[in-house]
C-alpha atoms as a PDB file:
ATOM      1  CA  MET A   1      72.757  53.742  26.281  1.00  0.00           C
ATOM      2  CA  PRO A   2      72.772  55.951  23.167  1.00  0.00           C
ATOM      3  CA  GLU A   3      75.549  55.680  20.595  1.00  0.00           C
ATOM      4  CA  VAL A   4      77.077  59.042  19.663  1.00  0.00           C
ATOM      5  CA  VAL A   5      78.925  59.349  16.341  1.00  0.00           C
ATOM      6  CA  LYS A   6      80.777  62.423  15.062  1.00  0.00           C
ATOM      7  CA  GLN A   7      81.490  63.068  11.405  1.00  0.00           C
ATOM      8  CA  LEU A   8      83.215  65.872   9.576  1.00  0.00           C
ATOM      9  CA  ARG A   9      81.258  66.755   6.436  1.00  0.00           C
ATOM     10  CA  LEU A  10      83.078  68.706   3.710  1.00  0.00           C
ATOM     11  CA  ARG A  11      80.555  70.344   1.394  1.00  0.00           C
ATOM     12  CA  PHE A  12      81.215  71.576  -2.131  1.00  0.00           C
ATOM     13  CA  ARG A  13      79.332  72.865  -5.150  1.00  0.00           C
ATOM     14  CA  ASP A  14      79.961  70.976  -8.377  1.00  0.00           C
ATOM     15  CA  SER A  15      80.284  72.357 -11.903  1.00  0.00           C
ATOM     16  CA  ASN A  16      76.559  71.677 -12.470  1.00  0.00           C
ATOM     17  CA  ASP A  17      75.598  73.766  -9.387  1.00  0.00           C
ATOM     18  CA  ALA A  18      74.684  70.764  -7.202  1.00  0.00           C
ATOM     19  CA  ILE A  19      75.837  70.453  -3.585  1.00  0.00           C
ATOM     20  CA  VAL A  20      78.028  67.401  -2.879  1.00  0.00           C
ATOM     21  CA  SER A  21      79.790  66.281   0.268  1.00  0.00           C
ATOM     22  CA  PHE A  22      82.599  64.070   1.511  1.00  0.00           C
ATOM     23  CA  THR A  23      82.445  62.640   5.029  1.00  0.00           C
ATOM     24  CA  VAL A  24      85.393  61.913   7.335  1.00  0.00           C
ATOM     25  CA  ASN A  25      84.718  59.234   9.977  1.00  0.00           C
ATOM     26  CA  PRO A  26      85.763  59.853  12.730  1.00  0.00           C
ATOM     27  CA  PRO A  27      87.334  63.295  12.533  1.00  0.00           C
ATOM     28  CA  SER A  28      90.413  64.058  14.586  1.00  0.00           C
ATOM     29  CA  GLN A  29      89.670  66.279  17.542  1.00  0.00           C
ATOM     30  CA  PRO A  30      90.212  69.163  17.686  1.00  0.00           C
ATOM     31  CA  VAL A  31      89.607  69.790  13.999  1.00  0.00           C
ATOM     32  CA  ASP A  32      92.614  71.401  12.315  1.00  0.00           C
ATOM     33  CA  MET A  33      90.914  73.807   9.924  1.00  0.00           C
ATOM     34  CA  GLN A  34      94.124  74.541   8.006  1.00  0.00           C
ATOM     35  CA  GLU A  35      94.462  70.811   7.178  1.00  0.00           C
ATOM     36  CA  VAL A  36      90.782  70.610   6.245  1.00  0.00           C
ATOM     37  CA  GLU A  37      91.040  73.614   3.944  1.00  0.00           C
ATOM     38  CA  GLU A  38      94.168  72.174   2.289  1.00  0.00           C
ATOM     39  CA  LEU A  39      92.344  68.860   1.773  1.00  0.00           C
ATOM     40  CA  MET A  40      89.370  70.640   0.221  1.00  0.00           C
ATOM     41  CA  ASP A  41      91.679  72.608  -2.091  1.00  0.00           C
ATOM     42  CA  TYR A  42      93.368  69.341  -3.100  1.00  0.00           C
ATOM     43  CA  ILE A  43      90.008  67.673  -3.851  1.00  0.00           C
ATOM     44  CA  ILE A  44      89.132  70.551  -6.185  1.00  0.00           C
ATOM     45  CA  SER A  45      92.547  70.889  -7.853  1.00  0.00           C
ATOM     46  CA  SER A  46      93.068  67.150  -8.413  1.00  0.00           C
ATOM     47  CA  ASN A  47      89.919  66.985 -10.568  1.00  0.00           C
ATOM     48  CA  THR A  48      89.622  63.243  -9.817  1.00  0.00           C
ATOM     49  CA  PHE A  49      86.129  63.219  -8.304  1.00  0.00           C
ATOM     50  CA  TYR A  50      83.017  63.372 -10.445  1.00  0.00           C
ATOM     51  CA  THR A  51      79.618  63.900  -8.889  1.00  0.00           C
ATOM     52  CA  PHE A  52      76.228  62.289  -9.378  1.00  0.00           C
ATOM     53  CA  THR A  53      75.377  65.057 -11.867  1.00  0.00           C
ATOM     54  CA  GLY A  54      78.388  64.218 -14.026  1.00  0.00           C
ATOM     55  CA  GLY A  55      80.131  67.408 -12.977  1.00  0.00           C
ATOM     56  CA  SER A  56      83.403  67.943 -11.174  1.00  0.00           C
ATOM     57  CA  VAL A  57      83.943  69.361  -7.690  1.00  0.00           C
ATOM     58  CA  ALA A  58      84.302  73.098  -8.276  1.00  0.00           C
ATOM     59  CA  GLU A  59      83.868  75.247  -5.152  1.00  0.00           C
ATOM     60  CA  LYS A  60      84.165  74.949  -1.343  1.00  0.00           C
ATOM     61  CA  LEU A  61      80.944  75.669   0.542  1.00  0.00           C
ATOM     62  CA  ASP A  62      81.439  74.813   4.195  1.00  0.00           C
ATOM     63  CA  VAL A  63      82.583  72.280   6.773  1.00  0.00           C
ATOM     64  CA  LEU A  64      80.115  70.761   9.230  1.00  0.00           C
ATOM     65  CA  LEU A  65      80.819  68.792  12.393  1.00  0.00           C
ATOM     66  CA  VAL A  66      77.804  66.481  12.562  1.00  0.00           C
ATOM     67  CA  THR A  67      76.949  64.657  15.786  1.00  0.00           C
ATOM     68  CA  THR A  68      74.389  61.863  15.600  1.00  0.00           C
ATOM     69  CA  GLU A  69      72.905  60.186  18.658  1.00  0.00           C
ATOM     70  CA  THR A  70      71.223  56.828  18.097  1.00  0.00           C
ATOM     71  CA  ASP A  71      69.052  54.995  20.624  1.00  0.00           C
ATOM     72  CA  THR A  72      68.164  51.344  20.122  1.00  0.00           C
ATOM     73  CA  VAL A  73      64.385  51.025  20.419  1.00  0.00           C
ATOM     74  CA  ILE A  74      64.189  47.248  20.205  1.00  0.00           C
ATOM     75  CA  GLU A  75      66.922  44.654  19.883  1.00  0.00           C
ATOM     76  CA  PHE A  76      66.320  41.157  18.537  1.00  0.00           C
END
């Protein structure tokens, strides 16, 4: 039986123009977009996260609800 996992991916652009993301596992359903937008604004305004490029989180891009289905091919 396949395992299905849902994640909420918050994507941003950093100050060095790279795309970075934060993932929420598992997201509450249904997704409250006002809460998500407030969280994204907080991430930017707090200036506490630095990205792999050495930049800071600067701009909201989008929010993705990602569903992954995994089938075990062989189990030992």
